[in-house]
Amino acid sequence: MEKSLAEKIRKKFGILLLSFVFLFISFISTGLSGSLQVHFIDVGQGDSIFIITPNNKTILIDAGIHSGENDKRNPFNYIRSLKKGGKVRNLSIDYAFITHPDDDHYGGFNYLCKDPGGGQDFSIENIYYSVFESTAYGRFWPCLESLIRKSTHTSQVSARGPPINPDHEIELKVLHPFKKVIKRNPDKNDDSVVISLQHKNTRFLFTGDVSKKVERELLDQDIRSNVLKLGHHGSRTASDEEFLQKVRPPSEDFYIVISSNDNDGKGKRFGHPHRETLETLKKLGGVKLYRTDLHGTIIFNTDGNNVSVETQKKNVSEDKLWKPGKKSQ
């Protein structure tokens, strides 16, 4: 009789404990699923943006130029550090974009093709690009072919498709190129993939290196965004004032990120961001400006309504923030 009662108590306690564990896991999962993270990685003079969706899908837009195994500006080393910290589950990148054939956007992918060693523990499930032509990529072409062979799906993208749906909680749209690139643009920057990424009421706009010409051609589209990755590293060739006014949200904070570094050890200094661009942003007013050359890696986190920003380097003065980059003499 006593044994039977003790067994009943143990069973009830076990059920209660399992219920508590289930509720705790559900609470944690719900907390994670509500968040979109966008990491603007400090890759020096180049672009690399790593995105973790609310349901833990991963998206990589460009990979900078640094591909050294121990290079701190190699974006894959940064992603590996996220895995070690438990912030991503594995080293499989679900969706990767090469915005255009410029080595400060694709060069870092070479790390995945170094054998032995290198990034052989990484994989890319889906890989997308605007231009598919061997002469456009030079020595990177064999690596790109290798990545394509190993991926599950690959495609040349444009605003006409194919549709890309990484996560039902976000909307990803390719806004440019307007149609599939058959013949390369004389200005290769204007072949850049432009991506709009929206989670509930918060939208990011990633513009590659497109010039003012393409920016003006985008004006008839819905490009209103809370966060803008400024075109061409803050060069004077991009950031048309009318374009910026169209992107700017009417009553919310307007965040702008410049991905550049005039001292990344890769040779010529371009002086990014240029003085003219910074003056345009100042004239616009109310801009919350972040720069990888000053802030290091910049992380945006949003539940779809509220946006928070974390930077690797703190306490950047206003004087430094609005000062142009150094240029080679």
Protein backbone atom coordinates (compact mmCIF):
# COMPACT_ATOMS: atom_id res chain seq x y z
CA MET A 1 0.00 0.00 0.00
CA GLU A 2 2.77 2.44 1.04
CA LYS A 3 4.88 1.38 -1.95
CA SER A 4 1.97 2.01 -4.31
CA LEU A 5 1.44 5.51 -2.85
CA ALA A 6 5.15 6.34 -3.17
CA GLU A 7 5.13 5.23 -6.81
CA LYS A 8 2.10 7.46 -7.53
CA ILE A 9 3.86 10.45 -5.93
CA ARG A 10 7.01 9.78 -7.95
CA LYS A 11 5.01 9.54 -11.17
CA LYS A 12 3.16 12.79 -10.48
CA PHE A 13 6.43 14.54 -9.61
CA GLY A 14 7.99 13.18 -12.82
CA ILE A 15 5.10 14.47 -14.91
CA LEU A 16 5.32 17.90 -13.27
CA LEU A 17 9.07 18.03 -13.85
CA LEU A 18 8.71 17.08 -17.52
CA SER A 19 5.99 19.70 -17.94
CA PHE A 20 8.24 22.35 -16.41
CA VAL A 21 11.15 21.38 -18.69
CA PHE A 22 8.87 21.46 -21.75
CA LEU A 23 7.52 24.91 -20.82
CA PHE A 24 11.05 26.20 -20.19
CA ILE A 25 12.29 24.96 -23.57
CA SER A 26 9.22 26.43 -25.27
CA PHE A 27 9.87 29.77 -23.58
CA ILE A 28 13.51 29.80 -24.69
CA SER A 29 12.59 28.76 -28.24
CA THR A 30 9.95 31.46 -28.46
CA GLY A 31 12.48 34.04 -27.31
CA LEU A 32 14.94 32.99 -29.98
CA SER A 33 12.40 32.75 -32.79
CA GLY A 34 11.33 36.37 -32.37
CA SER A 35 14.73 37.84 -33.19
CA LEU A 36 16.49 38.78 -36.42
CA GLN A 37 20.23 39.40 -36.14
CA VAL A 38 22.25 41.25 -38.78
CA HIS A 39 26.03 41.28 -38.35
CA PHE A 40 27.99 43.81 -40.40
CA ILE A 41 31.39 42.16 -40.08
CA ASP A 42 34.55 44.25 -40.04
CA VAL A 43 36.30 42.73 -43.06
CA GLY A 44 38.41 45.79 -43.81
CA GLN A 45 37.89 47.43 -47.20
CA GLY A 46 34.95 45.35 -48.33
CA ASP A 47 31.53 43.96 -47.46
CA SER A 48 30.36 40.95 -45.49
CA ILE A 49 26.97 40.72 -43.82
CA PHE A 50 25.93 37.65 -41.80
CA ILE A 51 22.25 37.25 -40.95
CA ILE A 52 20.58 34.88 -38.50
CA THR A 53 16.83 34.70 -39.11
CA PRO A 54 14.18 34.25 -36.39
CA ASN A 55 14.13 30.50 -37.10
CA ASN A 56 17.92 30.16 -37.15
CA LYS A 57 18.48 30.12 -40.89
CA THR A 58 21.74 31.78 -41.91
CA ILE A 59 22.37 34.18 -44.80
CA LEU A 60 25.74 35.52 -45.92
CA ILE A 61 25.89 38.53 -48.23
CA ASP A 62 29.47 38.79 -49.58
CA ALA A 63 32.64 37.70 -47.79
CA GLY A 64 35.11 40.57 -48.04
CA ILE A 65 38.62 40.11 -49.38
CA HIS A 66 40.51 38.47 -46.50
CA SER A 67 40.77 34.68 -46.75
CA GLY A 68 43.78 33.88 -44.54
CA GLU A 69 43.29 30.98 -42.13
CA ASN A 70 44.24 33.07 -39.09
CA ASP A 71 43.18 36.44 -40.47
CA LYS A 72 40.97 38.32 -38.00
CA ARG A 73 39.16 39.95 -40.93
CA ASN A 74 38.26 36.63 -42.51
CA PRO A 75 34.44 36.57 -42.06
CA PHE A 76 34.39 32.78 -41.72
CA ASN A 77 36.59 33.03 -38.65
CA TYR A 78 33.99 35.39 -37.22
CA ILE A 79 31.18 32.92 -38.01
CA ARG A 80 33.22 30.14 -36.41
CA SER A 81 33.49 32.25 -33.24
CA LEU A 82 29.68 32.56 -33.22
CA LYS A 83 29.38 28.78 -33.31
CA LYS A 84 31.85 28.41 -30.45
CA GLY A 85 29.74 30.88 -28.49
CA GLY A 86 26.58 28.87 -29.20
CA LYS A 87 25.02 31.62 -31.34
CA VAL A 88 24.74 29.46 -34.47
CA ARG A 89 24.13 25.73 -34.55
CA ASN A 90 26.65 24.70 -37.18
CA LEU A 91 28.90 25.92 -39.98
CA SER A 92 26.37 25.31 -42.73
CA ILE A 93 25.39 28.58 -44.42
CA ASP A 94 21.87 28.23 -45.77
CA TYR A 95 21.97 31.10 -48.30
CA ALA A 96 25.01 32.95 -49.68
CA PHE A 97 25.03 35.89 -52.10
CA ILE A 98 27.95 37.21 -54.14
CA THR A 99 26.60 40.63 -55.01
CA HIS A 100 28.97 41.29 -57.93
CA PRO A 101 32.40 40.36 -59.32
CA ASP A 102 34.63 42.56 -57.14
CA ASP A 103 37.31 40.91 -55.01
CA ASP A 104 36.48 42.90 -51.88
CA HIS A 105 33.08 41.18 -52.02
CA TYR A 106 33.98 37.64 -53.16
CA GLY A 107 37.65 37.23 -52.18
CA GLY A 108 36.93 35.85 -48.71
CA PHE A 109 35.13 32.85 -50.22
CA ASN A 110 38.55 31.56 -51.30
CA TYR A 111 38.98 30.38 -47.71
CA LEU A 112 36.38 27.66 -48.34
CA CYS A 113 38.41 26.28 -51.25
CA LYS A 114 41.79 25.93 -49.54
CA ASP A 115 42.69 22.27 -49.33
CA PRO A 116 44.11 20.94 -47.10
CA GLY A 117 43.00 23.09 -44.19
CA GLY A 118 41.08 26.28 -44.63
CA GLY A 119 37.32 26.31 -44.36
CA GLN A 120 36.60 22.72 -45.33
CA ASP A 121 34.29 22.41 -42.31
CA PHE A 122 31.96 25.03 -43.81
CA SER A 123 29.25 24.32 -46.36
CA ILE A 124 26.86 26.46 -48.42
CA GLU A 125 23.43 25.06 -49.19
CA ASN A 126 22.25 27.72 -51.68
CA ILE A 127 24.51 30.15 -53.53
CA TYR A 128 23.35 33.13 -55.62
CA TYR A 129 25.13 35.68 -57.83
CA SER A 130 24.33 38.39 -60.36
CA VAL A 131 27.03 37.56 -62.92
CA PHE A 132 28.03 34.06 -64.04
CA GLU A 133 31.04 34.46 -66.31
CA SER A 134 34.53 33.06 -65.81
CA THR A 135 36.41 36.15 -67.01
CA ALA A 136 34.56 38.35 -64.51
CA TYR A 137 36.01 36.51 -61.50
CA GLY A 138 39.58 35.86 -62.61
CA ARG A 139 41.45 33.46 -60.32
CA PHE A 140 38.39 33.05 -58.09
CA TRP A 141 36.44 31.25 -60.84
CA PRO A 142 37.65 27.68 -60.01
CA CYS A 143 36.67 28.27 -56.37
CA LEU A 144 33.21 29.51 -57.38
CA GLU A 145 32.73 26.45 -59.59
CA SER A 146 33.72 24.24 -56.66
CA LEU A 147 31.25 25.95 -54.31
CA ILE A 148 28.50 25.57 -56.91
CA ARG A 149 29.21 21.84 -57.33
CA LYS A 150 29.02 21.29 -53.58
CA SER A 151 25.85 23.33 -53.01
CA THR A 152 22.30 22.01 -53.12
CA HIS A 153 20.99 24.86 -55.24
CA THR A 154 22.59 27.66 -57.23
CA SER A 155 21.15 30.44 -59.35
CA GLN A 156 21.78 33.71 -61.09
CA VAL A 157 19.35 36.15 -59.46
CA SER A 158 17.43 39.26 -60.47
CA ALA A 159 14.28 41.12 -59.48
CA ARG A 160 12.41 38.76 -61.84
CA GLY A 161 13.29 35.70 -59.78
CA PRO A 162 13.67 33.05 -58.70
CA PRO A 163 11.90 33.72 -55.37
CA ILE A 164 14.01 33.13 -52.26
CA ASN A 165 12.24 32.23 -49.01
CA PRO A 166 14.72 31.46 -46.23
CA ASP A 167 12.28 31.83 -43.32
CA HIS A 168 8.50 32.31 -43.12
CA GLU A 169 9.00 35.11 -40.57
CA ILE A 170 10.99 37.31 -42.95
CA GLU A 171 10.50 38.61 -46.46
CA LEU A 172 13.54 38.68 -48.72
CA LYS A 173 13.31 40.49 -52.06
CA VAL A 174 15.92 40.98 -54.75
CA LEU A 175 15.34 44.48 -56.15
CA HIS A 176 18.29 44.61 -58.58
CA PRO A 177 19.50 43.61 -61.17
CA PHE A 178 16.15 44.32 -62.76
CA LYS A 179 16.58 41.33 -65.07
CA LYS A 180 19.07 38.52 -65.48
CA VAL A 181 22.53 39.82 -66.40
CA ILE A 182 23.39 38.50 -69.86
CA LYS A 183 25.96 41.12 -70.77
CA ARG A 184 28.12 42.60 -68.02
CA ASN A 185 27.68 46.27 -67.19
CA PRO A 186 30.65 48.50 -68.16
CA ASP A 187 30.62 49.54 -64.49
CA LYS A 188 30.67 46.18 -62.68
CA ASN A 189 29.39 47.84 -59.51
CA ASP A 190 26.07 48.38 -61.27
CA ASP A 191 25.58 44.62 -61.55
CA SER A 192 25.32 44.47 -57.75
CA VAL A 193 22.51 42.49 -56.15
CA VAL A 194 20.33 44.82 -54.05
CA ILE A 195 18.39 43.01 -51.31
CA SER A 196 15.49 44.10 -49.13
CA LEU A 197 15.00 42.07 -45.94
CA GLN A 198 11.95 42.64 -43.74
CA HIS A 199 10.94 41.21 -40.36
CA LYS A 200 7.49 42.45 -39.35
CA ASN A 201 7.81 46.27 -39.23
CA THR A 202 11.58 46.49 -39.59
CA ARG A 203 13.35 46.52 -42.95
CA PHE A 204 17.00 46.37 -44.00
CA LEU A 205 18.30 47.44 -47.41
CA PHE A 206 21.62 46.05 -48.68
CA THR A 207 22.89 47.88 -51.76
CA GLY A 208 26.21 46.29 -52.70
CA ASP A 209 28.25 48.82 -54.70
CA VAL A 210 25.51 50.26 -56.94
CA SER A 211 26.05 53.82 -58.18
CA LYS A 212 23.74 56.83 -58.09
CA LYS A 213 22.50 55.79 -61.54
CA VAL A 214 20.99 52.55 -60.21
CA GLU A 215 19.80 54.26 -57.02
CA ARG A 216 17.72 56.64 -59.15
CA GLU A 217 16.30 53.69 -61.09
CA LEU A 218 15.16 52.16 -57.79
CA LEU A 219 13.10 55.21 -56.80
CA ASP A 220 9.83 53.85 -58.16
CA GLN A 221 10.07 50.79 -55.87
CA ASP A 222 9.14 50.48 -52.20
CA ILE A 223 12.59 50.96 -50.66
CA ARG A 224 11.63 52.58 -47.34
CA SER A 225 13.94 50.99 -44.75
CA ASN A 226 15.00 51.39 -41.14
CA VAL A 227 18.58 50.26 -41.79
CA LEU A 228 20.57 51.02 -44.94
CA LYS A 229 23.91 49.48 -45.86
CA LEU A 230 25.31 52.47 -47.73
CA GLY A 231 26.39 51.81 -51.33
CA HIS A 232 30.03 51.38 -52.34
CA HIS A 233 31.58 51.84 -48.88
CA GLY A 234 30.55 55.48 -48.65
CA SER A 235 32.05 56.46 -52.01
CA ARG A 236 30.99 59.71 -53.68
CA THR A 237 29.74 57.57 -56.60
CA ALA A 238 26.75 56.43 -54.51
CA SER A 239 24.26 57.82 -51.97
CA ASP A 240 22.15 60.09 -54.13
CA GLU A 241 20.26 62.53 -51.90
CA GLU A 242 16.86 61.77 -53.47
CA PHE A 243 17.50 58.05 -52.98
CA LEU A 244 18.36 58.55 -49.30
CA GLN A 245 15.20 60.61 -48.79
CA LYS A 246 13.13 57.81 -50.36
CA VAL A 247 14.75 55.14 -48.17
CA ARG A 248 14.44 57.12 -44.95
CA PRO A 249 11.48 56.10 -42.73
CA PRO A 250 9.13 59.05 -42.03
CA SER A 251 9.03 59.02 -38.22
CA GLU A 252 11.41 56.30 -37.04
CA ASP A 253 15.15 56.13 -36.46
CA PHE A 254 17.22 55.89 -39.65
CA TYR A 255 20.31 53.75 -39.25
CA ILE A 256 23.07 53.85 -41.85
CA VAL A 257 26.05 51.48 -41.95
CA ILE A 258 29.25 52.13 -43.90
CA SER A 259 31.40 49.05 -44.42
CA SER A 260 34.96 50.18 -45.12
CA ASN A 261 38.42 50.40 -43.61
CA ASP A 262 41.20 52.54 -45.04
CA ASN A 263 43.93 50.57 -43.25
CA ASP A 264 43.16 46.88 -43.72
CA GLY A 265 46.53 45.81 -45.07
CA LYS A 266 45.31 45.13 -48.60
CA GLY A 267 47.02 47.94 -50.41
CA LYS A 268 45.55 51.14 -51.80
CA ARG A 269 43.51 53.41 -49.57
CA PHE A 270 40.40 54.72 -51.31
CA GLY A 271 39.51 57.37 -48.76
CA HIS A 272 36.16 55.74 -47.95
CA PRO A 273 33.88 57.12 -46.76
CA HIS A 274 34.30 60.21 -48.93
CA ARG A 275 33.74 63.71 -47.61
CA GLU A 276 30.96 64.41 -50.14
CA THR A 277 28.96 61.42 -48.93
CA LEU A 278 29.32 62.35 -45.27
CA GLU A 279 28.19 65.89 -46.07
CA THR A 280 25.10 64.50 -47.83
CA LEU A 281 24.27 62.43 -44.74
CA LYS A 282 24.74 65.42 -42.46
CA LYS A 283 22.46 67.48 -44.65
CA LEU A 284 19.85 64.72 -44.47
CA GLY A 285 19.89 65.03 -40.66
CA GLY A 286 18.78 62.64 -37.93
CA VAL A 287 20.96 59.78 -39.19
CA LYS A 288 22.33 57.21 -36.75
CA LEU A 289 25.64 56.46 -38.47
CA TYR A 290 27.81 53.38 -37.88
CA ARG A 291 31.15 52.61 -39.56
CA THR A 292 33.07 49.35 -39.46
CA ASP A 293 36.38 51.24 -39.65
CA LEU A 294 35.49 52.96 -36.36
CA HIS A 295 33.01 50.66 -34.61
CA GLY A 296 34.41 47.31 -35.78
CA THR A 297 31.74 44.66 -36.27
CA ILE A 298 28.22 46.08 -35.87
CA ILE A 299 25.30 43.87 -34.79
CA PHE A 300 21.63 44.79 -35.22
CA ASN A 301 19.00 42.84 -33.33
CA THR A 302 15.27 43.29 -33.90
CA ASP A 303 12.05 41.59 -32.85
CA GLY A 304 10.44 43.21 -35.88
CA ASN A 305 9.39 46.34 -34.01
CA ASN A 306 12.28 47.44 -31.81
CA VAL A 307 15.90 47.74 -32.99
CA SER A 308 19.02 47.51 -30.83
CA VAL A 309 22.63 47.96 -31.92
CA GLU A 310 25.80 46.51 -30.44
CA THR A 311 29.28 47.49 -31.62
CA GLN A 312 32.66 45.86 -31.14
CA LYS A 313 34.29 49.23 -30.36
CA LYS A 314 32.61 51.77 -28.11
CA ASN A 315 32.75 55.53 -27.53
CA VAL A 316 33.36 56.73 -31.09
CA SER A 317 33.47 60.53 -30.99
CA GLU A 318 31.28 62.69 -33.24
CA ASP A 319 34.44 64.25 -34.63
CA LYS A 320 35.77 60.88 -35.81
CA LEU A 321 32.36 59.70 -36.97
CA TRP A 322 32.04 62.46 -39.58
CA LYS A 323 35.66 62.49 -40.70
CA PRO A 324 36.42 60.96 -44.15
CA GLY A 325 38.74 58.01 -44.60
CA LYS A 326 42.41 58.36 -45.45
CA LYS A 327 43.48 58.17 -49.07
CA SER A 328 46.74 56.90 -50.56
CA GLN A 329 49.06 59.70 -51.63
